[in-house]
Amino acid sequence: MNVLITGATGLVGQALVAILLKEGYTVNYLSTSRTKLSNRLNYKGFYWNPEKLEIDEAAFKDVSVIVHLAGASVSKKWTPAYKTEILQSRIQTTRLLFDTLSRIPNQVQHIVSASAIGGYKSSFDRIYHEEDAIEEPSFLGDVVRAWEHEVDTFEKLQISVAKIRIGLVLSAHGGALVELIKPIKLGVGSPLGSGKQYQSWIHIEDLASIFLFIIQNQEKGIYNGVSPHPVTNSELTKAIAKVLKKPFFFPRVPVFVLKTLLGEMHELLISSQHVSCLKLLNKGFQFKYASLEKALQSLVK
């Protein structure tokens, strides 16, 4: 089977490419950087520039599944200009894929898109399932609503749509865990805000396996890409400190300090989403890293 991936050189994309190639898939990928284009056995890059509506149509040859991961990182300070980039990078790329498939002969039957649990309204006592609406009133909620709406348009082309709402991705090669580890390694680890906010996490290998599972089983609809055991920010920080054998006694970092340092982006750190993956479990998906301690031991050195 041939799979086309956007965002293949990112954190999640690299993990997914590795597992797809191991499983015998042929992977095409779209990149905005010509220097990142490769042409290896079963792995080939194609150029696109969504802002200029440019795309190499050869990327779609023999492709039956698209995995859409492209989008500007939300882990940079949210200036007005960058907020526009975060939103438009998701809208423009999705529309370009849709418009291209609308006008060229193709064999695409399935699109699997990334989304985010940040669209669920922050709550300290609610458990979210896939049927729950995206009600978060903040900027991130706006992004998720617009993003998922664009992805749903592929149904007009009789293409099955699956959306994976991704939680806090734990990886040794980048993302949140690398940043969380830094102060803890220095012996100054501490909870953020109240520390009571739920952080629904997922090991990078399990996340890649979820995408593979959705592809192999031709699943459609919404799936929460999180582990079975969400934890609070305090519990996560304490668990990292324990694995690193570092002290954990510093006071909480107040919200006003986070807001001063990060601006509006501080919402990423203090919002609380306790998210369920029961739908995946009921479908038969098996997590390799259901336990936070096991996940951290595999990643933290």
C-alpha atoms as a PDB file:
ATOM      1  CA  MET A   1       0.000   0.000   0.000  1.00  0.00           C
ATOM      2  CA  ASN A   2       1.158   3.535  -0.804  1.00  0.00           C
ATOM      3  CA  VAL A   3       0.754   6.223   1.846  1.00  0.00           C
ATOM      4  CA  LEU A   4       1.283   9.963   1.361  1.00  0.00           C
ATOM      5  CA  ILE A   5       2.339  11.897   4.470  1.00  0.00           C
ATOM      6  CA  THR A   6       2.432  15.630   5.119  1.00  0.00           C
ATOM      7  CA  GLY A   7       4.652  16.698   8.013  1.00  0.00           C
ATOM      8  CA  ALA A   8       6.721  13.526   7.588  1.00  0.00           C
ATOM      9  CA  THR A   9       9.945  15.144   8.815  1.00  0.00           C
ATOM     10  CA  GLY A  10       8.391  16.348  12.083  1.00  0.00           C
ATOM     11  CA  LEU A  11       8.457  14.579  15.444  1.00  0.00           C
ATOM     12  CA  VAL A  12       5.362  12.439  14.881  1.00  0.00           C
ATOM     13  CA  GLY A  13       6.002  12.097  11.147  1.00  0.00           C
ATOM     14  CA  GLN A  14       9.437  10.555  11.602  1.00  0.00           C
ATOM     15  CA  ALA A  15       8.112   7.969  14.048  1.00  0.00           C
ATOM     16  CA  LEU A  16       5.247   7.111  11.710  1.00  0.00           C
ATOM     17  CA  VAL A  17       7.506   6.810   8.650  1.00  0.00           C
ATOM     18  CA  ALA A  18       9.738   4.386  10.540  1.00  0.00           C
ATOM     19  CA  ILE A  19       6.856   2.100  11.505  1.00  0.00           C
ATOM     20  CA  LEU A  20       5.233   2.233   8.048  1.00  0.00           C
ATOM     21  CA  LEU A  21       8.476   1.280   6.290  1.00  0.00           C
ATOM     22  CA  LYS A  22       9.010  -1.542   8.780  1.00  0.00           C
ATOM     23  CA  GLU A  23       5.511  -2.826   7.972  1.00  0.00           C
ATOM     24  CA  GLY A  24       6.258  -2.836   4.237  1.00  0.00           C
ATOM     25  CA  TYR A  25       4.399   0.290   3.137  1.00  0.00           C
ATOM     26  CA  THR A  26       5.621   2.603   0.386  1.00  0.00           C
ATOM     27  CA  VAL A  27       5.799   6.162   1.705  1.00  0.00           C
ATOM     28  CA  ASN A  28       5.550   9.353  -0.320  1.00  0.00           C
ATOM     29  CA  TYR A  29       5.834  12.618   1.549  1.00  0.00           C
ATOM     30  CA  LEU A  30       5.344  16.321   0.870  1.00  0.00           C
ATOM     31  CA  SER A  31       7.892  18.852   2.073  1.00  0.00           C
ATOM     32  CA  THR A  32       8.172  22.631   1.777  1.00  0.00           C
ATOM     33  CA  SER A  33      11.975  22.279   1.780  1.00  0.00           C
ATOM     34  CA  ARG A  34      13.643  21.009  -1.371  1.00  0.00           C
ATOM     35  CA  THR A  35      16.718  20.080   0.699  1.00  0.00           C
ATOM     36  CA  LYS A  36      14.605  17.560   2.649  1.00  0.00           C
ATOM     37  CA  LEU A  37      13.499  15.677  -0.442  1.00  0.00           C
ATOM     38  CA  SER A  38      14.765  12.110  -0.555  1.00  0.00           C
ATOM     39  CA  ASN A  39      14.472   9.318  -3.094  1.00  0.00           C
ATOM     40  CA  ARG A  40      15.147   5.995  -1.412  1.00  0.00           C
ATOM     41  CA  LEU A  41      13.614   2.571  -1.676  1.00  0.00           C
ATOM     42  CA  ASN A  42       9.922   2.889  -0.738  1.00  0.00           C
ATOM     43  CA  TYR A  43      10.470   6.455   0.535  1.00  0.00           C
ATOM     44  CA  LYS A  44      10.233   9.452  -1.773  1.00  0.00           C
ATOM     45  CA  GLY A  45       9.794  13.170  -1.198  1.00  0.00           C
ATOM     46  CA  PHE A  46       7.832  15.668  -3.272  1.00  0.00           C
ATOM     47  CA  TYR A  47       7.840  19.455  -3.091  1.00  0.00           C
ATOM     48  CA  TRP A  48       4.873  21.637  -2.198  1.00  0.00           C
ATOM     49  CA  ASN A  49       4.341  25.271  -1.247  1.00  0.00           C
ATOM     50  CA  PRO A  50       0.837  25.673   0.199  1.00  0.00           C
ATOM     51  CA  GLU A  51       1.102  29.470   0.404  1.00  0.00           C
ATOM     52  CA  LYS A  52       1.654  29.642  -3.360  1.00  0.00           C
ATOM     53  CA  LEU A  53      -0.742  26.734  -4.036  1.00  0.00           C
ATOM     54  CA  GLU A  54       2.116  24.719  -5.538  1.00  0.00           C
ATOM     55  CA  ILE A  55       2.181  20.926  -5.275  1.00  0.00           C
ATOM     56  CA  ASP A  56       3.883  18.106  -7.164  1.00  0.00           C
ATOM     57  CA  GLU A  57       0.942  16.021  -8.359  1.00  0.00           C
ATOM     58  CA  ALA A  58       3.227  13.019  -8.840  1.00  0.00           C
ATOM     59  CA  ALA A  59       3.105  12.633  -5.047  1.00  0.00           C
ATOM     60  CA  PHE A  60      -0.395  11.136  -5.368  1.00  0.00           C
ATOM     61  CA  LYS A  61       0.550   8.358  -7.800  1.00  0.00           C
ATOM     62  CA  ASP A  62      -0.808   5.009  -6.544  1.00  0.00           C
ATOM     63  CA  VAL A  63      -1.579   6.531  -3.124  1.00  0.00           C
ATOM     64  CA  SER A  64      -4.618   5.133  -1.314  1.00  0.00           C
ATOM     65  CA  VAL A  65      -4.132   6.760   2.115  1.00  0.00           C
ATOM     66  CA  ILE A  66      -3.091  10.296   3.117  1.00  0.00           C
ATOM     67  CA  VAL A  67      -1.797  11.017   6.613  1.00  0.00           C
ATOM     68  CA  HIS A  68      -2.023  14.742   7.262  1.00  0.00           C
ATOM     69  CA  LEU A  69       0.315  15.971  10.008  1.00  0.00           C
ATOM     70  CA  ALA A  70       1.423  19.339   8.607  1.00  0.00           C
ATOM     71  CA  GLY A  71       0.999  22.461  10.712  1.00  0.00           C
ATOM     72  CA  ALA A  72       3.120  25.087  12.455  1.00  0.00           C
ATOM     73  CA  SER A  73       4.135  24.176  16.001  1.00  0.00           C
ATOM     74  CA  VAL A  74       1.978  25.638  18.776  1.00  0.00           C
ATOM     75  CA  SER A  75       4.990  25.572  21.106  1.00  0.00           C
ATOM     76  CA  LYS A  76       6.310  28.983  20.075  1.00  0.00           C
ATOM     77  CA  LYS A  77       5.222  32.307  21.521  1.00  0.00           C
ATOM     78  CA  TRP A  78       1.818  33.279  20.174  1.00  0.00           C
ATOM     79  CA  THR A  79       2.399  36.686  18.660  1.00  0.00           C
ATOM     80  CA  PRO A  80      -0.500  37.917  16.476  1.00  0.00           C
ATOM     81  CA  ALA A  81       1.516  37.046  13.351  1.00  0.00           C
ATOM     82  CA  TYR A  82       2.418  33.585  14.610  1.00  0.00           C
ATOM     83  CA  LYS A  83      -1.166  32.831  15.633  1.00  0.00           C
ATOM     84  CA  THR A  84      -2.150  33.520  12.030  1.00  0.00           C
ATOM     85  CA  GLU A  85       0.604  31.143  10.876  1.00  0.00           C
ATOM     86  CA  ILE A  86      -0.576  28.384  13.245  1.00  0.00           C
ATOM     87  CA  LEU A  87      -4.108  28.573  11.863  1.00  0.00           C
ATOM     88  CA  GLN A  88      -3.294  29.156   8.202  1.00  0.00           C
ATOM     89  CA  SER A  89      -0.659  26.411   8.057  1.00  0.00           C
ATOM     90  CA  ARG A  90      -3.417  23.926   8.850  1.00  0.00           C
ATOM     91  CA  ILE A  91      -6.144  25.465   6.692  1.00  0.00           C
ATOM     92  CA  GLN A  92      -3.975  26.119   3.608  1.00  0.00           C
ATOM     93  CA  THR A  93      -2.377  22.666   3.553  1.00  0.00           C
ATOM     94  CA  THR A  94      -5.707  20.887   3.996  1.00  0.00           C
ATOM     95  CA  ARG A  95      -7.401  22.939   1.281  1.00  0.00           C
ATOM     96  CA  LEU A  96      -4.544  22.395  -1.145  1.00  0.00           C
ATOM     97  CA  LEU A  97      -4.811  18.627  -0.675  1.00  0.00           C
ATOM     98  CA  PHE A  98      -8.580  18.770  -1.132  1.00  0.00           C
ATOM     99  CA  ASP A  99      -8.442  21.015  -4.197  1.00  0.00           C
ATOM    100  CA  THR A 100      -5.769  18.850  -5.813  1.00  0.00           C
ATOM    101  CA  LEU A 101      -7.716  15.630  -5.267  1.00  0.00           C
ATOM    102  CA  SER A 102     -10.818  17.351  -6.623  1.00  0.00           C
ATOM    103  CA  ARG A 103      -9.215  17.935 -10.007  1.00  0.00           C
ATOM    104  CA  ILE A 104      -6.785  15.066 -10.666  1.00  0.00           C
ATOM    105  CA  PRO A 105      -7.424  11.340 -11.148  1.00  0.00           C
ATOM    106  CA  ASN A 106      -6.454   9.527  -7.942  1.00  0.00           C
ATOM    107  CA  GLN A 107      -6.991   6.382  -5.862  1.00  0.00           C
ATOM    108  CA  VAL A 108      -7.194   7.996  -2.427  1.00  0.00           C
ATOM    109  CA  GLN A 109      -9.790   6.301  -0.237  1.00  0.00           C
ATOM    110  CA  HIS A 110      -8.800   7.382   3.273  1.00  0.00           C
ATOM    111  CA  ILE A 111      -7.354  10.449   4.997  1.00  0.00           C
ATOM    112  CA  VAL A 112      -6.075  10.280   8.568  1.00  0.00           C
ATOM    113  CA  SER A 113      -5.479  13.709  10.057  1.00  0.00           C
ATOM    114  CA  ALA A 114      -3.861  14.931  13.225  1.00  0.00           C
ATOM    115  CA  SER A 115      -5.914  17.074  15.570  1.00  0.00           C
ATOM    116  CA  ALA A 116      -5.496  18.039  19.230  1.00  0.00           C
ATOM    117  CA  ILE A 117      -7.151  17.396  22.595  1.00  0.00           C
ATOM    118  CA  GLY A 118      -6.604  21.095  23.306  1.00  0.00           C
ATOM    119  CA  GLY A 119      -9.971  21.662  21.672  1.00  0.00           C
ATOM    120  CA  TYR A 120     -11.721  20.129  24.687  1.00  0.00           C
ATOM    121  CA  LYS A 121     -12.727  22.791  27.207  1.00  0.00           C
ATOM    122  CA  SER A 122     -10.371  22.985  30.187  1.00  0.00           C
ATOM    123  CA  SER A 123     -11.860  21.120  33.129  1.00  0.00           C
ATOM    124  CA  PHE A 124     -10.552  19.621  36.362  1.00  0.00           C
ATOM    125  CA  ASP A 125     -13.404  17.154  36.824  1.00  0.00           C
ATOM    126  CA  ARG A 126     -14.709  16.161  33.389  1.00  0.00           C
ATOM    127  CA  ILE A 127     -13.530  13.127  31.397  1.00  0.00           C
ATOM    128  CA  TYR A 128     -13.635  13.677  27.645  1.00  0.00           C
ATOM    129  CA  HIS A 129     -14.647  11.138  25.009  1.00  0.00           C
ATOM    130  CA  GLU A 130     -14.625  11.409  21.222  1.00  0.00           C
ATOM    131  CA  GLU A 131     -18.300  12.340  20.993  1.00  0.00           C
ATOM    132  CA  ASP A 132     -17.732  15.412  23.163  1.00  0.00           C
ATOM    133  CA  ALA A 133     -17.784  18.693  21.258  1.00  0.00           C
ATOM    134  CA  ILE A 134     -14.837  21.017  20.797  1.00  0.00           C
ATOM    135  CA  GLU A 135     -15.968  23.791  23.161  1.00  0.00           C
ATOM    136  CA  GLU A 136     -12.713  25.363  24.334  1.00  0.00           C
ATOM    137  CA  PRO A 137     -13.251  29.149  23.858  1.00  0.00           C
ATOM    138  CA  SER A 138      -9.545  29.966  23.527  1.00  0.00           C
ATOM    139  CA  PHE A 139      -7.390  30.372  20.420  1.00  0.00           C
ATOM    140  CA  LEU A 140      -6.430  26.686  20.453  1.00  0.00           C
ATOM    141  CA  GLY A 141     -10.095  25.713  20.455  1.00  0.00           C
ATOM    142  CA  ASP A 142     -10.636  27.943  17.422  1.00  0.00           C
ATOM    143  CA  VAL A 143      -7.731  26.251  15.653  1.00  0.00           C
ATOM    144  CA  VAL A 144      -9.013  22.725  16.322  1.00  0.00           C
ATOM    145  CA  ARG A 145     -12.556  23.592  15.192  1.00  0.00           C
ATOM    146  CA  ALA A 146     -11.346  25.162  11.932  1.00  0.00           C
ATOM    147  CA  TRP A 147      -8.801  22.375  11.330  1.00  0.00           C
ATOM    148  CA  GLU A 148     -11.290  19.532  11.776  1.00  0.00           C
ATOM    149  CA  HIS A 149     -13.920  21.323   9.687  1.00  0.00           C
ATOM    150  CA  GLU A 150     -11.487  21.499   6.755  1.00  0.00           C
ATOM    151  CA  VAL A 151     -10.576  17.824   7.084  1.00  0.00           C
ATOM    152  CA  ASP A 152     -14.251  16.838   7.060  1.00  0.00           C
ATOM    153  CA  THR A 153     -14.616  18.309   3.551  1.00  0.00           C
ATOM    154  CA  PHE A 154     -12.856  15.216   2.125  1.00  0.00           C
ATOM    155  CA  GLU A 155     -16.070  13.296   2.704  1.00  0.00           C
ATOM    156  CA  LYS A 156     -17.456  15.255  -0.276  1.00  0.00           C
ATOM    157  CA  LEU A 157     -14.973  13.298  -2.404  1.00  0.00           C
ATOM    158  CA  GLN A 158     -16.173   9.964  -0.956  1.00  0.00           C
ATOM    159  CA  ILE A 159     -12.936   9.715   1.017  1.00  0.00           C
ATOM    160  CA  SER A 160     -13.176   8.243   4.524  1.00  0.00           C
ATOM    161  CA  VAL A 161     -12.019  10.660   7.215  1.00  0.00           C
ATOM    162  CA  ALA A 162     -10.310   9.805  10.507  1.00  0.00           C
ATOM    163  CA  LYS A 163      -9.092  12.410  12.990  1.00  0.00           C
ATOM    164  CA  ILE A 164      -6.723  11.667  15.848  1.00  0.00           C
ATOM    165  CA  ARG A 165      -6.898  14.179  18.683  1.00  0.00           C
ATOM    166  CA  ILE A 166      -3.366  14.028  20.014  1.00  0.00           C
ATOM    167  CA  GLY A 167      -2.390  14.599  23.632  1.00  0.00           C
ATOM    168  CA  LEU A 168       0.946  15.543  25.184  1.00  0.00           C
ATOM    169  CA  VAL A 169       3.494  13.605  23.120  1.00  0.00           C
ATOM    170  CA  LEU A 170       6.399  12.137  25.079  1.00  0.00           C
ATOM    171  CA  SER A 171       9.547  11.668  23.004  1.00  0.00           C
ATOM    172  CA  ALA A 172      13.282  11.710  23.646  1.00  0.00           C
ATOM    173  CA  HIS A 173      13.876  13.582  20.395  1.00  0.00           C
ATOM    174  CA  GLY A 174      11.907  16.774  20.955  1.00  0.00           C
ATOM    175  CA  GLY A 175       8.599  18.166  22.099  1.00  0.00           C
ATOM    176  CA  ALA A 176       7.290  18.760  25.604  1.00  0.00           C
ATOM    177  CA  LEU A 177       9.257  16.090  27.484  1.00  0.00           C
ATOM    178  CA  VAL A 178      12.635  17.515  26.476  1.00  0.00           C
ATOM    179  CA  GLU A 179      11.588  20.928  27.829  1.00  0.00           C
ATOM    180  CA  LEU A 180      10.106  19.473  31.023  1.00  0.00           C
ATOM    181  CA  ILE A 181      13.316  17.590  31.747  1.00  0.00           C
ATOM    182  CA  LYS A 182      15.626  20.630  31.601  1.00  0.00           C
ATOM    183  CA  PRO A 183      14.752  22.283  34.947  1.00  0.00           C
ATOM    184  CA  ILE A 184      14.357  18.907  36.654  1.00  0.00           C
ATOM    185  CA  LYS A 185      17.885  17.897  35.619  1.00  0.00           C
ATOM    186  CA  LEU A 186      19.092  21.139  37.211  1.00  0.00           C
ATOM    187  CA  GLY A 187      17.323  20.170  40.427  1.00  0.00           C
ATOM    188  CA  VAL A 188      14.704  22.902  40.185  1.00  0.00           C
ATOM    189  CA  GLY A 189      11.729  20.978  38.864  1.00  0.00           C
ATOM    190  CA  SER A 190       8.336  22.179  40.053  1.00  0.00           C
ATOM    191  CA  PRO A 191       4.650  21.941  39.096  1.00  0.00           C
ATOM    192  CA  LEU A 192       3.192  24.590  36.807  1.00  0.00           C
ATOM    193  CA  GLY A 193       0.279  26.685  37.992  1.00  0.00           C
ATOM    194  CA  SER A 194      -1.864  24.717  40.423  1.00  0.00           C
ATOM    195  CA  GLY A 195      -0.231  21.471  39.293  1.00  0.00           C
ATOM    196  CA  LYS A 196      -3.708  19.921  39.410  1.00  0.00           C
ATOM    197  CA  GLN A 197      -4.379  20.245  35.684  1.00  0.00           C
ATOM    198  CA  TYR A 198      -4.704  16.922  33.887  1.00  0.00           C
ATOM    199  CA  GLN A 199      -2.224  16.163  31.129  1.00  0.00           C
ATOM    200  CA  SER A 200      -3.318  13.359  28.868  1.00  0.00           C
ATOM    201  CA  TRP A 201      -0.051  12.051  27.490  1.00  0.00           C
ATOM    202  CA  ILE A 202       1.013   9.557  24.832  1.00  0.00           C
ATOM    203  CA  HIS A 203       4.343   7.833  24.130  1.00  0.00           C
ATOM    204  CA  ILE A 204       5.597   8.651  20.611  1.00  0.00           C
ATOM    205  CA  GLU A 205       5.786   4.964  19.662  1.00  0.00           C
ATOM    206  CA  ASP A 206       2.202   4.347  20.747  1.00  0.00           C
ATOM    207  CA  LEU A 207       1.036   7.398  18.813  1.00  0.00           C
ATOM    208  CA  ALA A 208       2.695   6.151  15.621  1.00  0.00           C
ATOM    209  CA  SER A 209       1.105   2.749  16.261  1.00  0.00           C
ATOM    210  CA  ILE A 210      -2.326   4.391  16.596  1.00  0.00           C
ATOM    211  CA  PHE A 211      -1.953   5.958  13.151  1.00  0.00           C
ATOM    212  CA  LEU A 212      -0.895   2.568  11.770  1.00  0.00           C
ATOM    213  CA  PHE A 213      -3.872   0.886  13.472  1.00  0.00           C
ATOM    214  CA  ILE A 214      -6.306   3.416  11.949  1.00  0.00           C
ATOM    215  CA  ILE A 215      -4.772   2.885   8.494  1.00  0.00           C
ATOM    216  CA  GLN A 216      -4.721  -0.917   8.672  1.00  0.00           C
ATOM    217  CA  ASN A 217      -8.290  -1.165   9.919  1.00  0.00           C
ATOM    218  CA  GLN A 218      -9.593   1.610   7.652  1.00  0.00           C
ATOM    219  CA  GLU A 219     -11.149   3.288  10.665  1.00  0.00           C
ATOM    220  CA  LYS A 220     -13.006   6.564  10.324  1.00  0.00           C
ATOM    221  CA  GLY A 221     -14.275   9.116  12.793  1.00  0.00           C
ATOM    222  CA  ILE A 222     -12.558  10.693  15.787  1.00  0.00           C
ATOM    223  CA  TYR A 223     -10.052   8.950  18.063  1.00  0.00           C
ATOM    224  CA  ASN A 224      -8.289  10.326  21.123  1.00  0.00           C
ATOM    225  CA  GLY A 225      -4.549   9.753  20.784  1.00  0.00           C
ATOM    226  CA  VAL A 226      -3.757   9.476  24.496  1.00  0.00           C
ATOM    227  CA  SER A 227      -2.648   6.776  26.922  1.00  0.00           C
ATOM    228  CA  PRO A 228      -5.157   5.025  29.217  1.00  0.00           C
ATOM    229  CA  HIS A 229      -3.784   6.772  32.333  1.00  0.00           C
ATOM    230  CA  PRO A 230      -3.739  10.608  32.273  1.00  0.00           C
ATOM    231  CA  VAL A 231      -1.937  12.307  35.172  1.00  0.00           C
ATOM    232  CA  THR A 232      -1.857  15.744  36.741  1.00  0.00           C
ATOM    233  CA  ASN A 233       1.003  18.108  36.016  1.00  0.00           C
ATOM    234  CA  SER A 234       2.332  17.543  39.548  1.00  0.00           C
ATOM    235  CA  GLU A 235       2.268  13.769  39.048  1.00  0.00           C
ATOM    236  CA  LEU A 236       4.022  14.065  35.690  1.00  0.00           C
ATOM    237  CA  THR A 237       6.747  16.330  37.048  1.00  0.00           C
ATOM    238  CA  LYS A 238       7.240  14.117  40.102  1.00  0.00           C
ATOM    239  CA  ALA A 239       7.463  10.990  37.912  1.00  0.00           C
ATOM    240  CA  ILE A 240      10.140  12.568  35.705  1.00  0.00           C
ATOM    241  CA  ALA A 241      12.121  13.624  38.775  1.00  0.00           C
ATOM    242  CA  LYS A 242      11.880  10.097  40.168  1.00  0.00           C
ATOM    243  CA  VAL A 243      13.191   8.497  36.956  1.00  0.00           C
ATOM    244  CA  LEU A 244      16.019  11.061  36.835  1.00  0.00           C
ATOM    245  CA  LYS A 245      16.682  10.583  40.565  1.00  0.00           C
ATOM    246  CA  LYS A 246      16.415  14.329  41.097  1.00  0.00           C
ATOM    247  CA  PRO A 247      14.819  16.276  43.985  1.00  0.00           C
ATOM    248  CA  PHE A 248      11.261  17.514  43.732  1.00  0.00           C
ATOM    249  CA  PHE A 249      10.576  20.092  46.403  1.00  0.00           C
ATOM    250  CA  PHE A 250      10.480  23.496  44.727  1.00  0.00           C
ATOM    251  CA  PRO A 251       7.246  25.521  45.006  1.00  0.00           C
ATOM    252  CA  ARG A 252       4.757  25.706  42.173  1.00  0.00           C
ATOM    253  CA  VAL A 253       5.358  28.211  39.377  1.00  0.00           C
ATOM    254  CA  PRO A 254       2.498  30.720  39.671  1.00  0.00           C
ATOM    255  CA  VAL A 255       0.216  31.302  36.696  1.00  0.00           C
ATOM    256  CA  PHE A 256       1.118  35.007  36.534  1.00  0.00           C
ATOM    257  CA  VAL A 257       4.793  34.095  36.058  1.00  0.00           C
ATOM    258  CA  LEU A 258       3.945  31.711  33.212  1.00  0.00           C
ATOM    259  CA  LYS A 259       1.730  34.380  31.645  1.00  0.00           C
ATOM    260  CA  THR A 260       4.497  36.972  31.921  1.00  0.00           C
ATOM    261  CA  LEU A 261       7.055  34.642  30.324  1.00  0.00           C
ATOM    262  CA  LEU A 262       4.888  33.050  27.643  1.00  0.00           C
ATOM    263  CA  GLY A 263       1.945  35.351  27.056  1.00  0.00           C
ATOM    264  CA  GLU A 264      -1.209  33.689  25.738  1.00  0.00           C
ATOM    265  CA  MET A 265       0.703  30.472  25.071  1.00  0.00           C
ATOM    266  CA  HIS A 266       0.765  29.775  28.822  1.00  0.00           C
ATOM    267  CA  GLU A 267      -2.717  28.285  28.311  1.00  0.00           C
ATOM    268  CA  LEU A 268      -1.017  25.175  26.907  1.00  0.00           C
ATOM    269  CA  LEU A 269       0.583  24.553  30.289  1.00  0.00           C
ATOM    270  CA  ILE A 270      -2.300  25.285  32.655  1.00  0.00           C
ATOM    271  CA  SER A 271      -5.354  23.999  30.768  1.00  0.00           C
ATOM    272  CA  SER A 272      -6.690  20.665  31.996  1.00  0.00           C
ATOM    273  CA  GLN A 273      -8.003  17.882  29.752  1.00  0.00           C
ATOM    274  CA  HIS A 274      -8.665  14.443  31.225  1.00  0.00           C
ATOM    275  CA  VAL A 275      -9.170  12.466  28.018  1.00  0.00           C
ATOM    276  CA  SER A 276     -10.303   8.874  27.509  1.00  0.00           C
ATOM    277  CA  CYS A 277      -8.925   6.411  24.934  1.00  0.00           C
ATOM    278  CA  LEU A 278     -11.660   3.827  25.610  1.00  0.00           C
ATOM    279  CA  LYS A 279     -12.777   3.911  21.980  1.00  0.00           C
ATOM    280  CA  LEU A 280      -9.346   2.698  20.831  1.00  0.00           C
ATOM    281  CA  LEU A 281      -9.231   0.042  23.532  1.00  0.00           C
ATOM    282  CA  ASN A 282     -12.676  -1.219  22.547  1.00  0.00           C
ATOM    283  CA  LYS A 283     -11.471  -1.492  18.942  1.00  0.00           C
ATOM    284  CA  GLY A 284      -8.642  -3.768  20.115  1.00  0.00           C
ATOM    285  CA  PHE A 285      -5.691  -1.370  20.114  1.00  0.00           C
ATOM    286  CA  GLN A 286      -2.972  -2.407  22.570  1.00  0.00           C
ATOM    287  CA  PHE A 287      -0.672   0.170  24.153  1.00  0.00           C
ATOM    288  CA  LYS A 288       2.976  -0.682  24.607  1.00  0.00           C
ATOM    289  CA  TYR A 289       3.408   2.148  27.101  1.00  0.00           C
ATOM    290  CA  ALA A 290       0.184   2.416  29.095  1.00  0.00           C
ATOM    291  CA  SER A 291       2.151   3.149  32.279  1.00  0.00           C
ATOM    292  CA  LEU A 292       3.758   6.584  32.665  1.00  0.00           C
ATOM    293  CA  GLU A 293       6.699   5.143  34.595  1.00  0.00           C
ATOM    294  CA  LYS A 294       7.383   2.584  31.850  1.00  0.00           C
ATOM    295  CA  ALA A 295       7.093   5.288  29.195  1.00  0.00           C
ATOM    296  CA  LEU A 296       9.505   7.608  30.980  1.00  0.00           C
ATOM    297  CA  GLN A 297      12.027   4.838  31.652  1.00  0.00           C
ATOM    298  CA  SER A 298      12.146   4.157  27.899  1.00  0.00           C
ATOM    299  CA  LEU A 299      12.738   7.828  27.081  1.00  0.00           C
ATOM    300  CA  VAL A 300      14.570   9.536  29.936  1.00  0.00           C
ATOM    301  CA  LYS A 301      18.304   8.987  30.288  1.00  0.00           C
END
